[in-house]
Amino acid sequence: MAPNVDPYNRKITYLRLSVTDRCNLRCIYCMPVKDLTLLDHADILTYEEILKLIRVATGVGIKKVRLTGGEPLIRRDFVHLVESVCRIARIEDVSITTNGVLLKEMARPLFEAGVHRINVSLDTLNPLKYTKITRRERFDAVWEGLRVAEAVGFSPIKVNVVVIKGINDDELLKFADLSVRKPYHIRFIEYMPIGQDSHWTPEKYISSDEIKAELETFGPLHKIPHAIHDGPAERYRFESAKGEIGFISALSHHFCPSCNRLRLTADGKLRPCLFADDEVDIKSPLRKGCSEGDLKGLFEEAIARKPRRHRAEILRKGGCLRPMSTIGG
């Protein structure tokens, strides 16, 4: 069996890598309201360590890397890291997930560094509601960042929308209209039970099927076939739209059979599954000077430990105790 094929015959080609657990927002579904503990600087992987691990990961078939946080754009010299990752042989695709607060200033340097695909988290088009969700007044900065990213040439620009009943589910048609007017890929994400201190409850959950039914009152949705670098989203487009719509249905239609990813946390833990706290410590062996062969073996171990499916359910929280901000979105 190839080193990047797990016990259930899934080929693992995608690494989502958190470069920091820090963030300049405090989103209600991502970071704990109180008792927030941040990693010490010494506990976070250095850029040199990150680059070494990505190079090793290409040896087990990793071809795609997404850089996340926390908020990756707040880490010092992040553009330099992006440029270095884009130069790694056998990495075919590099992308970033950001909250967009610093995107206005950093869009052009990031684009010139080699990243041309970006995801921006924006759960509402209402500035007041944005402040309620993020606990910060930065809506205008994010909206300006999207405008600059579009002008610079990022494509696609994906807008991640976590839909929470009673919070932003009344804005679905506004996002539908945005996908028609702008070349943005709107990704509706089911609200997931992640983190021990998560405020997730079944009452706040709304399924992708319900979201899709609401959007179809706006107009017919036309299915888009999967492309080579697609993630788990089911993709659609409204007639004559500049952008598109996607549904990420982690709970209602879990995509475990096609999962092709590992996660590497900012403190150097490989996670085979988002919803389970099973982790492989790769930082400690790395800092003790183990060989690249040993590091490759740890990637293979993480792949071998991928479960058949996650255990998060609509009626209860899953087995993930870490908050989302420490895992990498």
C-alpha atoms as a PDB file:
ATOM      1  CA  MET A   1       0.000   0.000   0.000  1.00  0.00           C
ATOM      2  CA  ALA A   2       1.255   3.490  -0.857  1.00  0.00           C
ATOM      3  CA  PRO A   3       2.436   5.548   2.159  1.00  0.00           C
ATOM      4  CA  ASN A   4      -0.350   8.097   1.699  1.00  0.00           C
ATOM      5  CA  VAL A   5      -3.218   5.576   1.520  1.00  0.00           C
ATOM      6  CA  ASP A   6      -5.080   5.062   4.780  1.00  0.00           C
ATOM      7  CA  PRO A   7      -6.703   1.805   6.012  1.00  0.00           C
ATOM      8  CA  TYR A   8      -9.920   2.711   4.184  1.00  0.00           C
ATOM      9  CA  ASN A   9      -8.221   3.256   0.822  1.00  0.00           C
ATOM     10  CA  ARG A  10      -8.367   7.055   0.941  1.00  0.00           C
ATOM     11  CA  LYS A  11      -5.410   8.826  -0.660  1.00  0.00           C
ATOM     12  CA  ILE A  12      -4.147  11.585   1.663  1.00  0.00           C
ATOM     13  CA  THR A  13      -2.802  14.507  -0.374  1.00  0.00           C
ATOM     14  CA  TYR A  14      -3.832  17.599   1.625  1.00  0.00           C
ATOM     15  CA  LEU A  15      -2.259  19.196   4.717  1.00  0.00           C
ATOM     16  CA  ARG A  16      -4.002  21.988   6.620  1.00  0.00           C
ATOM     17  CA  LEU A  17      -1.364  23.713   8.702  1.00  0.00           C
ATOM     18  CA  SER A  18      -1.985  26.171  11.548  1.00  0.00           C
ATOM     19  CA  VAL A  19       0.823  28.722  11.888  1.00  0.00           C
ATOM     20  CA  THR A  20      -0.523  30.323  15.090  1.00  0.00           C
ATOM     21  CA  ASP A  21      -3.271  29.944  17.668  1.00  0.00           C
ATOM     22  CA  ARG A  22      -3.576  33.727  18.024  1.00  0.00           C
ATOM     23  CA  CYS A  23      -6.279  35.803  16.377  1.00  0.00           C
ATOM     24  CA  ASN A  24      -7.374  39.428  16.170  1.00  0.00           C
ATOM     25  CA  LEU A  25     -11.058  38.401  16.419  1.00  0.00           C
ATOM     26  CA  ARG A  26     -12.959  36.403  19.046  1.00  0.00           C
ATOM     27  CA  CYS A  27     -15.631  34.593  17.032  1.00  0.00           C
ATOM     28  CA  ILE A  28     -18.315  32.969  19.161  1.00  0.00           C
ATOM     29  CA  TYR A  29     -17.954  29.536  17.539  1.00  0.00           C
ATOM     30  CA  CYS A  30     -14.153  29.456  17.413  1.00  0.00           C
ATOM     31  CA  MET A  31     -12.482  30.890  20.516  1.00  0.00           C
ATOM     32  CA  PRO A  32     -13.561  30.349  24.136  1.00  0.00           C
ATOM     33  CA  VAL A  33     -15.231  33.319  25.777  1.00  0.00           C
ATOM     34  CA  LYS A  34     -13.187  32.909  28.965  1.00  0.00           C
ATOM     35  CA  ASP A  35     -10.210  30.944  30.226  1.00  0.00           C
ATOM     36  CA  LEU A  36      -8.473  31.366  26.863  1.00  0.00           C
ATOM     37  CA  THR A  37      -4.969  29.927  27.098  1.00  0.00           C
ATOM     38  CA  LEU A  38      -2.539  30.819  24.324  1.00  0.00           C
ATOM     39  CA  LEU A  39       0.578  28.883  23.463  1.00  0.00           C
ATOM     40  CA  ASP A  40       3.963  30.191  24.522  1.00  0.00           C
ATOM     41  CA  HIS A  41       6.047  31.385  21.595  1.00  0.00           C
ATOM     42  CA  ALA A  42       8.538  28.549  22.161  1.00  0.00           C
ATOM     43  CA  ASP A  43       5.759  25.977  21.804  1.00  0.00           C
ATOM     44  CA  ILE A  44       4.780  27.094  18.313  1.00  0.00           C
ATOM     45  CA  LEU A  45       6.503  25.569  15.295  1.00  0.00           C
ATOM     46  CA  THR A  46       9.113  27.864  13.781  1.00  0.00           C
ATOM     47  CA  TYR A  47       9.009  28.659  10.083  1.00  0.00           C
ATOM     48  CA  GLU A  48      12.081  26.498   9.548  1.00  0.00           C
ATOM     49  CA  GLU A  49      10.311  23.587  11.256  1.00  0.00           C
ATOM     50  CA  ILE A  50       7.142  24.156   9.234  1.00  0.00           C
ATOM     51  CA  LEU A  51       9.060  24.155   5.951  1.00  0.00           C
ATOM     52  CA  LYS A  52      10.963  21.009   6.900  1.00  0.00           C
ATOM     53  CA  LEU A  53       7.745  19.189   7.802  1.00  0.00           C
ATOM     54  CA  ILE A  54       6.067  20.198   4.550  1.00  0.00           C
ATOM     55  CA  ARG A  55       9.056  18.928   2.583  1.00  0.00           C
ATOM     56  CA  VAL A  56       8.895  15.635   4.481  1.00  0.00           C
ATOM     57  CA  ALA A  57       5.131  15.479   3.899  1.00  0.00           C
ATOM     58  CA  THR A  58       5.644  15.602   0.135  1.00  0.00           C
ATOM     59  CA  GLY A  59       7.442  12.287   0.542  1.00  0.00           C
ATOM     60  CA  VAL A  60       4.188  10.675   1.662  1.00  0.00           C
ATOM     61  CA  GLY A  61       2.139  12.215  -1.128  1.00  0.00           C
ATOM     62  CA  ILE A  62       1.075  15.619   0.211  1.00  0.00           C
ATOM     63  CA  LYS A  63       0.518  17.932  -2.760  1.00  0.00           C
ATOM     64  CA  LYS A  64      -1.785  20.612  -1.366  1.00  0.00           C
ATOM     65  CA  VAL A  65      -1.209  22.902   1.635  1.00  0.00           C
ATOM     66  CA  ARG A  66      -3.589  25.343   3.293  1.00  0.00           C
ATOM     67  CA  LEU A  67      -2.123  27.803   5.802  1.00  0.00           C
ATOM     68  CA  THR A  68      -4.502  28.687   8.623  1.00  0.00           C
ATOM     69  CA  GLY A  69      -4.540  29.907  12.227  1.00  0.00           C
ATOM     70  CA  GLY A  70      -5.866  31.287  14.501  1.00  0.00           C
ATOM     71  CA  GLU A  71      -5.357  34.138  12.080  1.00  0.00           C
ATOM     72  CA  PRO A  72      -2.286  33.436   9.926  1.00  0.00           C
ATOM     73  CA  LEU A  73      -1.824  36.993   8.668  1.00  0.00           C
ATOM     74  CA  ILE A  74      -0.942  38.283  12.136  1.00  0.00           C
ATOM     75  CA  ARG A  75       2.180  36.121  12.393  1.00  0.00           C
ATOM     76  CA  ARG A  76       5.338  38.125  11.713  1.00  0.00           C
ATOM     77  CA  ASP A  77       6.949  37.607   8.284  1.00  0.00           C
ATOM     78  CA  PHE A  78       4.036  35.433   7.136  1.00  0.00           C
ATOM     79  CA  VAL A  79       4.527  36.529   3.522  1.00  0.00           C
ATOM     80  CA  HIS A  80       8.072  35.136   3.656  1.00  0.00           C
ATOM     81  CA  LEU A  81       6.703  31.779   4.822  1.00  0.00           C
ATOM     82  CA  VAL A  82       4.142  31.766   2.013  1.00  0.00           C
ATOM     83  CA  GLU A  83       6.845  32.469  -0.563  1.00  0.00           C
ATOM     84  CA  SER A  84       8.977  29.626   0.797  1.00  0.00           C
ATOM     85  CA  VAL A  85       6.072  27.144   0.838  1.00  0.00           C
ATOM     86  CA  CYS A  86       5.207  28.014  -2.765  1.00  0.00           C
ATOM     87  CA  ARG A  87       8.771  27.115  -3.801  1.00  0.00           C
ATOM     88  CA  ILE A  88       8.677  23.595  -2.344  1.00  0.00           C
ATOM     89  CA  ALA A  89       8.895  20.999  -5.083  1.00  0.00           C
ATOM     90  CA  ARG A  90       5.859  18.685  -5.403  1.00  0.00           C
ATOM     91  CA  ILE A  91       3.529  21.145  -3.683  1.00  0.00           C
ATOM     92  CA  GLU A  92       1.006  21.881  -6.412  1.00  0.00           C
ATOM     93  CA  ASP A  93      -1.435  24.124  -4.569  1.00  0.00           C
ATOM     94  CA  VAL A  94      -1.055  26.597  -1.688  1.00  0.00           C
ATOM     95  CA  SER A  95      -3.983  28.506  -0.224  1.00  0.00           C
ATOM     96  CA  ILE A  96      -4.813  30.547   2.873  1.00  0.00           C
ATOM     97  CA  THR A  97      -7.789  30.837   5.209  1.00  0.00           C
ATOM     98  CA  THR A  98      -8.025  34.259   6.855  1.00  0.00           C
ATOM     99  CA  ASN A  99     -10.571  36.436   8.623  1.00  0.00           C
ATOM    100  CA  GLY A 100      -9.655  39.213   6.179  1.00  0.00           C
ATOM    101  CA  VAL A 101      -8.991  41.940   8.743  1.00  0.00           C
ATOM    102  CA  LEU A 102      -5.446  42.518   7.412  1.00  0.00           C
ATOM    103  CA  LEU A 103      -6.154  41.536   3.827  1.00  0.00           C
ATOM    104  CA  LYS A 104      -6.278  45.091   2.461  1.00  0.00           C
ATOM    105  CA  GLU A 105      -2.601  45.611   3.325  1.00  0.00           C
ATOM    106  CA  MET A 106      -1.408  42.072   2.619  1.00  0.00           C
ATOM    107  CA  ALA A 107      -3.350  40.938  -0.455  1.00  0.00           C
ATOM    108  CA  ARG A 108      -0.802  42.128  -3.011  1.00  0.00           C
ATOM    109  CA  PRO A 109       2.309  40.847  -1.147  1.00  0.00           C
ATOM    110  CA  LEU A 110       0.624  37.464  -0.658  1.00  0.00           C
ATOM    111  CA  PHE A 111      -0.380  37.269  -4.315  1.00  0.00           C
ATOM    112  CA  GLU A 112       3.135  38.162  -5.426  1.00  0.00           C
ATOM    113  CA  ALA A 113       4.510  35.521  -3.031  1.00  0.00           C
ATOM    114  CA  GLY A 114       2.648  32.881  -5.033  1.00  0.00           C
ATOM    115  CA  VAL A 115      -0.734  32.311  -3.388  1.00  0.00           C
ATOM    116  CA  HIS A 116      -3.656  33.033  -5.682  1.00  0.00           C
ATOM    117  CA  ARG A 117      -6.490  31.220  -3.855  1.00  0.00           C
ATOM    118  CA  ILE A 118      -7.890  32.502  -0.589  1.00  0.00           C
ATOM    119  CA  ASN A 119     -10.755  31.799   1.823  1.00  0.00           C
ATOM    120  CA  VAL A 120     -12.147  34.676   3.869  1.00  0.00           C
ATOM    121  CA  SER A 121     -14.363  34.012   6.887  1.00  0.00           C
ATOM    122  CA  LEU A 122     -17.357  36.372   6.849  1.00  0.00           C
ATOM    123  CA  ASP A 123     -20.507  35.117   8.571  1.00  0.00           C
ATOM    124  CA  THR A 124     -22.681  38.189   8.080  1.00  0.00           C
ATOM    125  CA  LEU A 125     -23.154  41.169   5.791  1.00  0.00           C
ATOM    126  CA  ASN A 126     -24.486  43.260   8.670  1.00  0.00           C
ATOM    127  CA  PRO A 127     -21.801  45.336  10.481  1.00  0.00           C
ATOM    128  CA  LEU A 128     -23.663  45.269  13.812  1.00  0.00           C
ATOM    129  CA  LYS A 129     -24.181  41.533  13.636  1.00  0.00           C
ATOM    130  CA  TYR A 130     -20.523  41.136  12.655  1.00  0.00           C
ATOM    131  CA  THR A 131     -19.534  42.784  15.930  1.00  0.00           C
ATOM    132  CA  LYS A 132     -21.820  40.409  17.833  1.00  0.00           C
ATOM    133  CA  ILE A 133     -20.330  37.326  16.159  1.00  0.00           C
ATOM    134  CA  THR A 134     -16.660  38.353  16.250  1.00  0.00           C
ATOM    135  CA  ARG A 135     -16.707  40.601  19.338  1.00  0.00           C
ATOM    136  CA  ARG A 136     -14.743  43.144  17.287  1.00  0.00           C
ATOM    137  CA  GLU A 137     -15.735  46.079  15.044  1.00  0.00           C
ATOM    138  CA  ARG A 138     -13.770  45.181  11.913  1.00  0.00           C
ATOM    139  CA  PHE A 139     -16.464  44.613   9.283  1.00  0.00           C
ATOM    140  CA  ASP A 140     -15.377  47.532   7.073  1.00  0.00           C
ATOM    141  CA  ALA A 141     -11.759  46.311   7.109  1.00  0.00           C
ATOM    142  CA  VAL A 142     -12.810  42.835   5.940  1.00  0.00           C
ATOM    143  CA  TRP A 143     -15.068  44.174   3.206  1.00  0.00           C
ATOM    144  CA  GLU A 144     -12.273  46.433   1.939  1.00  0.00           C
ATOM    145  CA  GLY A 145      -9.896  43.469   2.076  1.00  0.00           C
ATOM    146  CA  LEU A 146     -12.214  41.451  -0.169  1.00  0.00           C
ATOM    147  CA  ARG A 147     -12.354  44.335  -2.642  1.00  0.00           C
ATOM    148  CA  VAL A 148      -8.553  44.611  -2.758  1.00  0.00           C
ATOM    149  CA  ALA A 149      -8.082  40.831  -3.080  1.00  0.00           C
ATOM    150  CA  GLU A 150     -10.433  40.832  -6.052  1.00  0.00           C
ATOM    151  CA  ALA A 151      -8.613  43.751  -7.665  1.00  0.00           C
ATOM    152  CA  VAL A 152      -5.208  42.121  -7.118  1.00  0.00           C
ATOM    153  CA  GLY A 153      -6.352  38.983  -8.932  1.00  0.00           C
ATOM    154  CA  PHE A 154      -7.113  36.315  -6.331  1.00  0.00           C
ATOM    155  CA  SER A 155      -9.302  33.620  -7.862  1.00  0.00           C
ATOM    156  CA  PRO A 156     -11.225  31.994  -6.486  1.00  0.00           C
ATOM    157  CA  ILE A 157     -12.082  34.117  -3.485  1.00  0.00           C
ATOM    158  CA  LYS A 158     -14.100  31.877  -1.204  1.00  0.00           C
ATOM    159  CA  VAL A 159     -16.258  33.405   1.518  1.00  0.00           C
ATOM    160  CA  ASN A 160     -16.789  31.016   4.434  1.00  0.00           C
ATOM    161  CA  VAL A 161     -20.148  31.419   6.186  1.00  0.00           C
ATOM    162  CA  VAL A 162     -20.843  29.375   9.333  1.00  0.00           C
ATOM    163  CA  VAL A 163     -24.638  29.324   9.526  1.00  0.00           C
ATOM    164  CA  ILE A 164     -26.071  29.541  13.048  1.00  0.00           C
ATOM    165  CA  LYS A 165     -29.805  29.453  13.600  1.00  0.00           C
ATOM    166  CA  GLY A 166     -31.071  32.644  15.198  1.00  0.00           C
ATOM    167  CA  ILE A 167     -27.830  34.483  14.407  1.00  0.00           C
ATOM    168  CA  ASN A 168     -27.310  34.740  10.659  1.00  0.00           C
ATOM    169  CA  ASP A 169     -29.719  32.303   8.998  1.00  0.00           C
ATOM    170  CA  ASP A 170     -31.878  35.292   8.006  1.00  0.00           C
ATOM    171  CA  GLU A 171     -29.123  36.448   5.626  1.00  0.00           C
ATOM    172  CA  LEU A 172     -28.961  33.432   3.330  1.00  0.00           C
ATOM    173  CA  LEU A 173     -30.614  35.215   0.415  1.00  0.00           C
ATOM    174  CA  LYS A 174     -28.318  38.214   0.841  1.00  0.00           C
ATOM    175  CA  PHE A 175     -25.336  35.913   0.420  1.00  0.00           C
ATOM    176  CA  ALA A 176     -27.066  34.306  -2.568  1.00  0.00           C
ATOM    177  CA  ASP A 177     -27.377  37.735  -4.148  1.00  0.00           C
ATOM    178  CA  LEU A 178     -23.712  38.438  -3.376  1.00  0.00           C
ATOM    179  CA  SER A 179     -22.713  35.320  -5.342  1.00  0.00           C
ATOM    180  CA  VAL A 180     -24.641  36.671  -8.324  1.00  0.00           C
ATOM    181  CA  ARG A 181     -23.144  40.165  -8.199  1.00  0.00           C
ATOM    182  CA  LYS A 182     -19.554  39.317  -7.267  1.00  0.00           C
ATOM    183  CA  PRO A 183     -17.152  36.544  -8.379  1.00  0.00           C
ATOM    184  CA  TYR A 184     -17.101  35.104  -4.856  1.00  0.00           C
ATOM    185  CA  HIS A 185     -17.556  31.449  -3.986  1.00  0.00           C
ATOM    186  CA  ILE A 186     -19.909  31.507  -0.999  1.00  0.00           C
ATOM    187  CA  ARG A 187     -19.354  28.452   1.196  1.00  0.00           C
ATOM    188  CA  PHE A 188     -22.151  27.712   3.645  1.00  0.00           C
ATOM    189  CA  ILE A 189     -20.683  25.634   6.490  1.00  0.00           C
ATOM    190  CA  GLU A 190     -22.785  23.684   8.973  1.00  0.00           C
ATOM    191  CA  TYR A 191     -22.222  24.830  12.556  1.00  0.00           C
ATOM    192  CA  MET A 192     -20.028  22.120  14.074  1.00  0.00           C
ATOM    193  CA  PRO A 193     -19.655  20.953  17.711  1.00  0.00           C
ATOM    194  CA  ILE A 194     -15.940  21.638  18.170  1.00  0.00           C
ATOM    195  CA  GLY A 195     -14.246  22.524  21.453  1.00  0.00           C
ATOM    196  CA  GLN A 196     -14.946  21.664  25.072  1.00  0.00           C
ATOM    197  CA  ASP A 197     -16.196  25.206  25.747  1.00  0.00           C
ATOM    198  CA  SER A 198     -18.204  25.442  22.541  1.00  0.00           C
ATOM    199  CA  HIS A 199     -21.647  27.038  22.807  1.00  0.00           C
ATOM    200  CA  TRP A 200     -22.918  24.660  20.122  1.00  0.00           C
ATOM    201  CA  THR A 201     -26.348  23.142  20.711  1.00  0.00           C
ATOM    202  CA  PRO A 202     -28.690  21.239  18.365  1.00  0.00           C
ATOM    203  CA  GLU A 203     -31.075  24.210  18.518  1.00  0.00           C
ATOM    204  CA  LYS A 204     -28.469  26.440  16.844  1.00  0.00           C
ATOM    205  CA  TYR A 205     -27.732  23.929  14.082  1.00  0.00           C
ATOM    206  CA  ILE A 206     -29.180  24.260  10.599  1.00  0.00           C
ATOM    207  CA  SER A 207     -28.499  21.628   7.943  1.00  0.00           C
ATOM    208  CA  SER A 208     -27.228  22.210   4.433  1.00  0.00           C
ATOM    209  CA  ASP A 209     -30.484  20.765   3.085  1.00  0.00           C
ATOM    210  CA  GLU A 210     -32.429  23.487   4.921  1.00  0.00           C
ATOM    211  CA  ILE A 211     -30.009  26.158   3.687  1.00  0.00           C
ATOM    212  CA  LYS A 212     -30.271  24.903   0.110  1.00  0.00           C
ATOM    213  CA  ALA A 213     -34.069  24.870   0.265  1.00  0.00           C
ATOM    214  CA  GLU A 214     -34.069  28.508   1.372  1.00  0.00           C
ATOM    215  CA  LEU A 215     -31.632  29.496  -1.397  1.00  0.00           C
ATOM    216  CA  GLU A 216     -33.825  27.840  -4.022  1.00  0.00           C
ATOM    217  CA  THR A 217     -36.498  30.437  -3.262  1.00  0.00           C
ATOM    218  CA  PHE A 218     -34.001  32.925  -4.718  1.00  0.00           C
ATOM    219  CA  GLY A 219     -33.632  30.971  -7.952  1.00  0.00           C
ATOM    220  CA  PRO A 220     -32.712  27.567  -9.442  1.00  0.00           C
ATOM    221  CA  LEU A 221     -29.301  26.207  -8.414  1.00  0.00           C
ATOM    222  CA  HIS A 222     -27.262  24.515 -11.126  1.00  0.00           C
ATOM    223  CA  LYS A 223     -24.824  21.779 -10.042  1.00  0.00           C
ATOM    224  CA  ILE A 224     -21.114  22.291 -10.760  1.00  0.00           C
ATOM    225  CA  PRO A 225     -18.909  19.195 -11.252  1.00  0.00           C
ATOM    226  CA  HIS A 226     -15.991  18.715  -8.858  1.00  0.00           C
ATOM    227  CA  ALA A 227     -12.635  20.122  -9.963  1.00  0.00           C
ATOM    228  CA  ILE A 228      -9.179  18.736  -9.132  1.00  0.00           C
ATOM    229  CA  HIS A 229      -8.441  21.014  -6.148  1.00  0.00           C
ATOM    230  CA  ASP A 230     -11.950  21.043  -4.709  1.00  0.00           C
ATOM    231  CA  GLY A 231     -12.512  20.376  -1.053  1.00  0.00           C
ATOM    232  CA  PRO A 232     -15.631  18.718   0.346  1.00  0.00           C
ATOM    233  CA  ALA A 233     -18.091  21.392  -0.803  1.00  0.00           C
ATOM    234  CA  GLU A 234     -21.009  20.494  -3.063  1.00  0.00           C
ATOM    235  CA  ARG A 235     -20.938  23.291  -5.610  1.00  0.00           C
ATOM    236  CA  TYR A 236     -23.789  25.144  -7.369  1.00  0.00           C
ATOM    237  CA  ARG A 237     -24.358  28.327  -9.313  1.00  0.00           C
ATOM    238  CA  PHE A 238     -27.312  30.596  -9.898  1.00  0.00           C
ATOM    239  CA  GLU A 239     -28.165  31.470 -13.494  1.00  0.00           C
ATOM    240  CA  SER A 240     -25.823  34.181 -14.855  1.00  0.00           C
ATOM    241  CA  ALA A 241     -24.015  34.453 -11.503  1.00  0.00           C
ATOM    242  CA  LYS A 242     -20.460  35.773 -11.357  1.00  0.00           C
ATOM    243  CA  GLY A 243     -19.731  33.557  -8.372  1.00  0.00           C
ATOM    244  CA  GLU A 244     -21.040  30.312  -6.956  1.00  0.00           C
ATOM    245  CA  ILE A 245     -22.503  28.583  -3.914  1.00  0.00           C
ATOM    246  CA  GLY A 246     -21.059  25.682  -1.946  1.00  0.00           C
ATOM    247  CA  PHE A 247     -22.313  23.537   0.930  1.00  0.00           C
ATOM    248  CA  ILE A 248     -19.986  21.942   3.482  1.00  0.00           C
ATOM    249  CA  SER A 249     -22.124  19.376   5.290  1.00  0.00           C
ATOM    250  CA  ALA A 250     -19.884  17.896   7.956  1.00  0.00           C
ATOM    251  CA  LEU A 251     -22.784  16.654  10.079  1.00  0.00           C
ATOM    252  CA  SER A 252     -25.760  16.021   7.804  1.00  0.00           C
ATOM    253  CA  HIS A 253     -23.859  14.472   4.881  1.00  0.00           C
ATOM    254  CA  HIS A 254     -20.446  13.744   6.313  1.00  0.00           C
ATOM    255  CA  PHE A 255     -17.736  13.549   3.672  1.00  0.00           C
ATOM    256  CA  CYS A 256     -15.519  11.098   5.557  1.00  0.00           C
ATOM    257  CA  PRO A 257     -15.398   8.559   2.678  1.00  0.00           C
ATOM    258  CA  SER A 258     -13.600  11.137   0.527  1.00  0.00           C
ATOM    259  CA  CYS A 259     -11.528  12.861   3.240  1.00  0.00           C
ATOM    260  CA  ASN A 260      -8.005  13.415   1.912  1.00  0.00           C
ATOM    261  CA  ARG A 261      -6.482  15.562   4.668  1.00  0.00           C
ATOM    262  CA  LEU A 262      -4.330  15.744   7.755  1.00  0.00           C
ATOM    263  CA  ARG A 263      -4.108  18.729  10.091  1.00  0.00           C
ATOM    264  CA  LEU A 264      -0.927  20.032  11.685  1.00  0.00           C
ATOM    265  CA  THR A 265      -1.544  22.225  14.718  1.00  0.00           C
ATOM    266  CA  ALA A 266       0.555  25.260  15.608  1.00  0.00           C
ATOM    267  CA  ASP A 267       2.120  23.301  18.483  1.00  0.00           C
ATOM    268  CA  GLY A 268       3.210  20.469  16.217  1.00  0.00           C
ATOM    269  CA  LYS A 269       0.526  17.774  16.524  1.00  0.00           C
ATOM    270  CA  LEU A 270      -0.702  15.831  13.505  1.00  0.00           C
ATOM    271  CA  ARG A 271      -4.458  15.268  13.673  1.00  0.00           C
ATOM    272  CA  PRO A 272      -5.909  12.523  11.472  1.00  0.00           C
ATOM    273  CA  CYS A 273      -9.490  13.786  12.029  1.00  0.00           C
ATOM    274  CA  LEU A 274     -10.901  17.226  12.842  1.00  0.00           C
ATOM    275  CA  PHE A 275     -13.551  15.824  15.188  1.00  0.00           C
ATOM    276  CA  ALA A 276     -11.325  13.596  17.318  1.00  0.00           C
ATOM    277  CA  ASP A 277      -8.497  14.532  19.656  1.00  0.00           C
ATOM    278  CA  ASP A 278      -6.284  11.646  18.558  1.00  0.00           C
ATOM    279  CA  GLU A 279      -2.955  13.292  17.723  1.00  0.00           C
ATOM    280  CA  VAL A 280       0.561  12.309  16.696  1.00  0.00           C
ATOM    281  CA  ASP A 281       3.271  14.471  18.279  1.00  0.00           C
ATOM    282  CA  ILE A 282       5.735  15.364  15.544  1.00  0.00           C
ATOM    283  CA  LYS A 283       7.281  18.457  17.130  1.00  0.00           C
ATOM    284  CA  SER A 284       9.020  16.659  20.006  1.00  0.00           C
ATOM    285  CA  PRO A 285      10.870  14.143  17.787  1.00  0.00           C
ATOM    286  CA  LEU A 286      11.679  16.954  15.349  1.00  0.00           C
ATOM    287  CA  ARG A 287      13.288  19.056  18.085  1.00  0.00           C
ATOM    288  CA  LYS A 288      15.203  16.063  19.413  1.00  0.00           C
ATOM    289  CA  GLY A 289      16.904  15.779  16.038  1.00  0.00           C
ATOM    290  CA  CYS A 290      15.244  12.684  14.607  1.00  0.00           C
ATOM    291  CA  SER A 291      15.885  11.783  10.978  1.00  0.00           C
ATOM    292  CA  GLU A 292      13.682  12.767   8.050  1.00  0.00           C
ATOM    293  CA  GLY A 293      12.879   9.092   7.706  1.00  0.00           C
ATOM    294  CA  ASP A 294      11.522   9.075  11.263  1.00  0.00           C
ATOM    295  CA  LEU A 295       9.457  12.197  10.537  1.00  0.00           C
ATOM    296  CA  LYS A 296       8.076  10.573   7.418  1.00  0.00           C
ATOM    297  CA  GLY A 297       7.135   7.584   9.568  1.00  0.00           C
ATOM    298  CA  LEU A 298       5.122   9.877  11.865  1.00  0.00           C
ATOM    299  CA  PHE A 299       3.156  11.203   8.899  1.00  0.00           C
ATOM    300  CA  GLU A 300       2.525   7.606   7.857  1.00  0.00           C
ATOM    301  CA  GLU A 301       1.407   6.791  11.414  1.00  0.00           C
ATOM    302  CA  ALA A 302      -1.084   9.672  11.368  1.00  0.00           C
ATOM    303  CA  ILE A 303      -2.440   8.473   8.028  1.00  0.00           C
ATOM    304  CA  ALA A 304      -2.746   4.929   9.368  1.00  0.00           C
ATOM    305  CA  ARG A 305      -4.722   6.262  12.362  1.00  0.00           C
ATOM    306  CA  LYS A 306      -7.380   8.048  10.314  1.00  0.00           C
ATOM    307  CA  PRO A 307     -10.765   6.743  11.461  1.00  0.00           C
ATOM    308  CA  ARG A 308     -13.356   5.458   9.014  1.00  0.00           C
ATOM    309  CA  ARG A 309     -15.617   8.368   9.991  1.00  0.00           C
ATOM    310  CA  HIS A 310     -15.999  11.042  12.627  1.00  0.00           C
ATOM    311  CA  ARG A 311     -18.275  10.617  15.654  1.00  0.00           C
ATOM    312  CA  ALA A 312     -19.815  14.074  15.810  1.00  0.00           C
ATOM    313  CA  GLU A 313     -23.587  13.881  15.589  1.00  0.00           C
ATOM    314  CA  ILE A 314     -26.362  16.407  15.135  1.00  0.00           C
ATOM    315  CA  LEU A 315     -27.903  15.601  18.514  1.00  0.00           C
ATOM    316  CA  ARG A 316     -24.715  15.725  20.588  1.00  0.00           C
ATOM    317  CA  LYS A 317     -21.229  17.168  20.686  1.00  0.00           C
ATOM    318  CA  GLY A 318     -18.395  15.207  19.156  1.00  0.00           C
ATOM    319  CA  GLY A 319     -15.132  14.022  20.636  1.00  0.00           C
ATOM    320  CA  CYS A 320     -13.091  17.145  19.889  1.00  0.00           C
ATOM    321  CA  LEU A 321     -12.109  19.068  23.032  1.00  0.00           C
ATOM    322  CA  ARG A 322      -9.676  21.515  21.426  1.00  0.00           C
ATOM    323  CA  PRO A 323     -11.196  24.842  20.338  1.00  0.00           C
ATOM    324  CA  MET A 324     -11.159  25.432  16.601  1.00  0.00           C
ATOM    325  CA  SER A 325      -8.645  28.264  16.931  1.00  0.00           C
ATOM    326  CA  THR A 326      -5.951  25.826  18.110  1.00  0.00           C
ATOM    327  CA  ILE A 327      -6.582  23.238  15.385  1.00  0.00           C
ATOM    328  CA  GLY A 328      -6.590  25.215  12.155  1.00  0.00           C
ATOM    329  CA  GLY A 329      -9.793  25.724  10.196  1.00  0.00           C
END
